[in-house]
């Protein structure tokens, strides 16, 4: 029986997560970019197709450096305009960081936060990218895949978020009602599904990035077991390998 057909066990993915950091300091522009890349361990019970991992790595790398290079161009133009209008030059600072939030059952969920500050104020930009990959197929998956078939997941998620908004109406824009799309932004953690929205989308910018966690233990009947792990049902790759040898 394949591991993902079992409802009672979760397995760590046997992949190595490399920490990458690139930084630079100039007179009016500085940056510190932190982002992950993923590789196979040798001699494990299963190897992810390296082309799949290369696609993930190149996608994240491209997004991080596209963000940074876009701010390089913006800073140059802003300061050219400032010089022409006898305004003081401004200093840009770009920071990215990341977290691997779920890495089990051949499911990989990663987030990268992209931020830019001007004169140490802000952030002027604050974006959160998510990368949710099925390592067996090599494809990104949408939030509908996390739920069991025939579950009206859009209704389930929207009702939950609207319930949470109504509990703290003062934090959000007046009369905010959410009806999530099929490509709703999200990422997975060991605790549940985190639904999030962009700056100034459903709440004032100073609120930051609004996030709502749908805990697995509260929504278990709706969740595809492949995405639902608890500390009690996680197997290590070593334990799995010993089972395969029997």
Protein backbone atom coordinates (compact mmCIF):
# COMPACT_ATOMS: atom_id res chain seq x y z
CA UNK A 1 0.00 0.00 0.00
CA UNK A 2 1.35 3.43 -0.89
CA UNK A 3 1.98 5.73 2.04
CA UNK A 4 -0.46 8.42 0.93
CA UNK A 5 -3.34 5.96 0.96
CA UNK A 6 -2.96 5.50 4.69
CA UNK A 7 -4.96 7.78 6.92
CA UNK A 8 -3.05 7.24 10.15
CA UNK A 9 0.57 8.07 9.30
CA UNK A 10 2.52 11.11 8.18
CA UNK A 11 6.00 11.00 6.72
CA UNK A 12 8.70 13.64 6.57
CA UNK A 13 9.88 14.44 3.08
CA UNK A 14 13.51 13.34 2.60
CA UNK A 15 14.71 16.61 1.10
CA UNK A 16 17.48 18.96 2.15
CA UNK A 17 16.56 22.62 2.67
CA UNK A 18 19.42 24.97 1.86
CA UNK A 19 19.50 28.45 3.39
CA UNK A 20 20.53 31.11 0.88
CA UNK A 21 21.48 34.68 1.69
CA UNK A 22 22.54 37.47 -0.65
CA UNK A 23 23.20 41.00 0.55
CA UNK A 24 24.62 44.30 -0.59
CA UNK A 25 24.99 47.86 0.69
CA UNK A 26 25.13 50.99 -1.43
CA UNK A 27 24.75 54.69 -0.81
CA UNK A 28 20.99 54.71 -1.38
CA UNK A 29 20.11 51.03 -1.79
CA UNK A 30 20.74 48.02 0.41
CA UNK A 31 19.30 44.53 0.51
CA UNK A 32 19.34 41.29 2.46
CA UNK A 33 17.70 38.42 0.61
CA UNK A 34 17.04 35.15 2.36
CA UNK A 35 15.36 32.32 0.47
CA UNK A 36 15.39 28.50 0.38
CA UNK A 37 16.35 25.91 -2.19
CA UNK A 38 15.62 22.20 -2.05
CA UNK A 39 17.65 19.10 -2.89
CA UNK A 40 17.40 15.35 -2.49
CA UNK A 41 19.20 13.53 0.27
CA UNK A 42 21.18 10.54 -0.93
CA UNK A 43 20.26 6.96 -0.06
CA UNK A 44 16.72 7.63 1.08
CA UNK A 45 13.59 5.53 0.61
CA UNK A 46 12.34 7.99 -2.00
CA UNK A 47 13.84 10.67 -4.20
CA UNK A 48 11.81 13.55 -5.52
CA UNK A 49 12.35 14.13 -9.22
CA UNK A 50 15.17 16.67 -9.19
CA UNK A 51 13.53 18.52 -12.08
CA UNK A 52 10.58 19.17 -9.76
CA UNK A 53 12.87 20.58 -7.09
CA UNK A 54 14.75 22.63 -9.70
CA UNK A 55 11.45 24.16 -10.82
CA UNK A 56 10.59 25.12 -7.25
CA UNK A 57 14.07 26.54 -6.69
CA UNK A 58 14.08 28.59 -9.88
CA UNK A 59 10.55 29.90 -9.22
CA UNK A 60 11.44 31.15 -5.75
CA UNK A 61 14.79 32.54 -6.91
CA UNK A 62 13.14 34.40 -9.78
CA UNK A 63 10.43 35.89 -7.57
CA UNK A 64 12.93 37.12 -4.97
CA UNK A 65 15.32 38.72 -7.44
CA UNK A 66 12.54 40.15 -9.63
CA UNK A 67 11.21 41.91 -6.52
CA UNK A 68 14.65 43.22 -5.60
CA UNK A 69 15.55 44.35 -9.13
CA UNK A 70 12.22 46.12 -9.49
CA UNK A 71 13.02 48.12 -6.37
CA UNK A 72 16.49 48.91 -7.73
CA UNK A 73 14.85 50.53 -10.75
CA UNK A 74 12.29 52.33 -8.61
CA UNK A 75 14.94 53.74 -6.27
CA UNK A 76 17.01 55.05 -9.19
CA UNK A 77 14.05 56.81 -10.76
CA UNK A 78 12.82 58.26 -7.48
CA UNK A 79 16.22 59.73 -6.67
CA UNK A 80 16.71 61.07 -10.19
CA UNK A 81 13.41 62.90 -9.80
CA UNK A 82 14.42 64.11 -6.32
CA UNK A 83 17.70 65.56 -7.61
CA UNK A 84 15.89 67.35 -10.43
CA UNK A 85 13.40 68.87 -7.99
CA UNK A 86 16.02 69.70 -5.32
CA UNK A 87 14.57 67.15 -2.93
CA UNK A 88 16.77 65.02 -0.65
CA UNK A 89 17.68 61.58 -1.84
CA UNK A 90 15.97 58.63 -0.15
CA UNK A 91 17.39 55.29 0.91
CA UNK A 92 15.76 52.00 -0.01
CA UNK A 93 16.18 48.78 1.93
CA UNK A 94 14.89 45.44 0.67
CA UNK A 95 14.49 42.42 2.93
CA UNK A 96 13.19 38.95 2.19
CA UNK A 97 12.81 36.01 4.53
CA UNK A 98 11.10 32.66 4.37
CA UNK A 99 9.65 29.72 6.24
CA UNK A 100 9.11 26.11 5.21
CA UNK A 101 5.75 25.64 6.89
CA UNK A 102 4.81 22.08 5.85
CA UNK A 103 7.14 19.36 4.59
CA UNK A 104 5.43 15.97 4.84
CA UNK A 105 3.62 13.34 2.74
CA UNK A 106 5.35 14.63 -0.40
CA UNK A 107 3.61 17.95 0.14
CA UNK A 108 5.76 21.08 0.39
CA UNK A 109 4.41 24.42 1.55
CA UNK A 110 6.73 27.42 1.74
CA UNK A 111 6.24 31.15 2.16
CA UNK A 112 8.55 34.02 1.24
CA UNK A 113 7.97 37.50 2.67
CA UNK A 114 9.09 40.37 0.43
CA UNK A 115 9.50 43.78 2.07
CA UNK A 116 10.89 47.17 1.10
CA UNK A 117 11.49 50.18 3.34
CA UNK A 118 12.21 53.80 2.40
CA UNK A 119 14.28 55.87 4.83
CA UNK A 120 13.67 53.09 7.40
CA UNK A 121 9.96 53.85 7.36
CA UNK A 122 7.20 51.54 6.33
CA UNK A 123 7.37 48.96 4.95
CA UNK A 124 6.35 50.57 1.68
CA UNK A 125 5.92 47.08 0.23
CA UNK A 126 4.97 43.98 2.19
CA UNK A 127 4.07 40.95 0.10
CA UNK A 128 3.73 37.28 0.99
CA UNK A 129 4.29 34.66 -1.70
CA UNK A 130 3.18 31.07 -1.18
CA UNK A 131 4.53 27.95 -2.87
CA UNK A 132 2.39 24.84 -2.42
CA UNK A 133 3.76 21.87 -4.37
CA UNK A 134 2.79 18.23 -4.74
CA UNK A 135 6.21 16.59 -4.97
CA UNK A 136 4.78 13.47 -6.62
CA UNK A 137 3.35 15.34 -9.61
CA UNK A 138 5.59 18.40 -9.57
CA UNK A 139 2.58 20.69 -9.80
CA UNK A 140 1.40 23.48 -7.57
CA UNK A 141 -1.96 22.75 -5.98
CA UNK A 142 -4.81 25.05 -5.08
CA UNK A 143 -6.67 25.16 -1.82
CA UNK A 144 -9.43 22.89 -3.11
CA UNK A 145 -6.98 19.97 -3.15
CA UNK A 146 -6.61 20.19 0.63
CA UNK A 147 -10.25 19.25 1.13
CA UNK A 148 -12.04 15.96 0.60
CA UNK A 149 -13.97 15.48 -2.65
CA UNK A 150 -17.53 16.80 -2.68
CA UNK A 151 -16.79 19.31 0.10
CA UNK A 152 -17.99 22.82 -0.73
CA UNK A 153 -14.66 24.19 0.45
CA UNK A 154 -15.33 27.73 -0.80
CA UNK A 155 -18.40 27.92 1.42
CA UNK A 156 -16.64 26.29 4.38
CA UNK A 157 -13.67 28.65 4.20
CA UNK A 158 -15.68 31.79 3.47
CA UNK A 159 -18.08 31.11 6.35
CA UNK A 160 -15.21 30.59 8.75
CA UNK A 161 -13.38 33.77 7.74
CA UNK A 162 -16.55 35.87 7.89
CA UNK A 163 -17.22 34.43 11.34
CA UNK A 164 -13.73 35.45 12.51
CA UNK A 165 -14.09 38.92 10.97
CA UNK A 166 -17.40 39.44 12.77
CA UNK A 167 -15.70 38.64 16.06
CA UNK A 168 -13.35 41.64 15.58
CA UNK A 169 -15.17 43.98 13.23
CA UNK A 170 -13.19 47.00 14.38
CA UNK A 171 -10.04 45.58 12.77
CA UNK A 172 -11.48 45.36 9.27
CA UNK A 173 -13.12 47.65 6.76
CA UNK A 174 -16.80 48.31 7.34
CA UNK A 175 -19.18 45.71 5.93
CA UNK A 176 -16.34 43.40 4.88
CA UNK A 177 -17.71 40.12 3.57
CA UNK A 178 -15.37 37.51 2.12
CA UNK A 179 -16.19 35.11 -0.69
CA UNK A 180 -12.90 33.42 -1.50
CA UNK A 181 -11.88 32.55 -5.07
CA UNK A 182 -10.61 29.15 -6.19
CA UNK A 183 -7.06 30.54 -6.32
CA UNK A 184 -7.21 31.97 -2.79
CA UNK A 185 -3.77 32.58 -1.25
CA UNK A 186 -2.89 30.10 1.49
CA UNK A 187 -0.18 27.92 2.98
CA UNK A 188 -0.12 24.86 5.20
CA UNK A 189 1.28 24.40 8.69
CA UNK A 190 1.24 21.47 11.11
CA UNK A 191 -1.70 23.13 12.87
CA UNK A 192 -3.88 23.87 9.88
CA UNK A 193 -4.53 25.85 6.72
CA UNK A 194 -3.57 29.52 6.84
CA UNK A 195 -5.71 31.73 4.60
CA UNK A 196 -4.26 35.19 4.04
CA UNK A 197 -5.03 38.41 2.21
CA UNK A 198 -2.96 41.24 0.81
CA UNK A 199 -2.27 44.57 2.44
CA UNK A 200 -5.24 46.94 2.32
CA UNK A 201 -7.47 44.19 0.87
CA UNK A 202 -9.88 43.60 3.76
CA UNK A 203 -8.27 45.70 6.51
CA UNK A 204 -6.29 48.95 6.76
CA UNK A 205 -2.64 48.69 5.77
CA UNK A 206 -1.41 49.16 9.34
CA UNK A 207 -3.13 45.86 10.23
CA UNK A 208 -0.49 44.05 8.19
CA UNK A 209 -1.23 40.86 6.28
CA UNK A 210 -4.54 39.41 7.58
CA UNK A 211 -4.26 35.68 8.30
CA UNK A 212 -6.82 33.13 9.40
CA UNK A 213 -5.84 29.64 10.56
CA UNK A 214 -8.31 26.81 10.02
CA UNK A 215 -7.13 24.23 12.54
CA UNK A 216 -7.16 20.66 11.29
CA UNK A 217 -8.59 19.37 14.55
CA UNK A 218 -11.67 21.58 14.09
CA UNK A 219 -12.16 20.84 10.39
CA UNK A 220 -10.90 17.24 10.24
CA UNK A 221 -14.02 15.79 8.52
CA UNK A 222 -13.47 18.13 5.59
CA UNK A 223 -9.71 17.68 5.17
CA UNK A 224 -7.92 15.28 2.81
CA UNK A 225 -5.93 13.04 5.20
CA UNK A 226 -2.79 13.52 3.13
CA UNK A 227 -2.62 17.10 4.40
CA UNK A 228 -3.51 16.38 8.02
CA UNK A 229 -0.61 15.52 10.31
CA UNK A 230 -0.35 15.45 14.09
CA UNK A 231 2.68 14.79 16.33
CA UNK A 232 1.23 11.36 17.09
CA UNK A 233 1.09 10.08 13.51
CA UNK A 234 4.37 11.32 12.04
CA UNK A 235 6.78 8.66 10.85
CA UNK A 236 10.45 9.29 10.19
CA UNK A 237 12.02 8.17 6.94
CA UNK A 238 14.23 5.77 8.88
CA UNK A 239 11.20 4.06 10.39
CA UNK A 240 9.59 3.84 6.98
CA UNK A 241 12.68 2.30 5.44
CA UNK A 242 12.77 -0.37 8.14
CA UNK A 243 9.12 -1.15 7.40
CA UNK A 244 9.84 -1.44 3.68
CA UNK A 245 12.56 -4.00 4.37
CA UNK A 246 10.23 -6.38 6.17
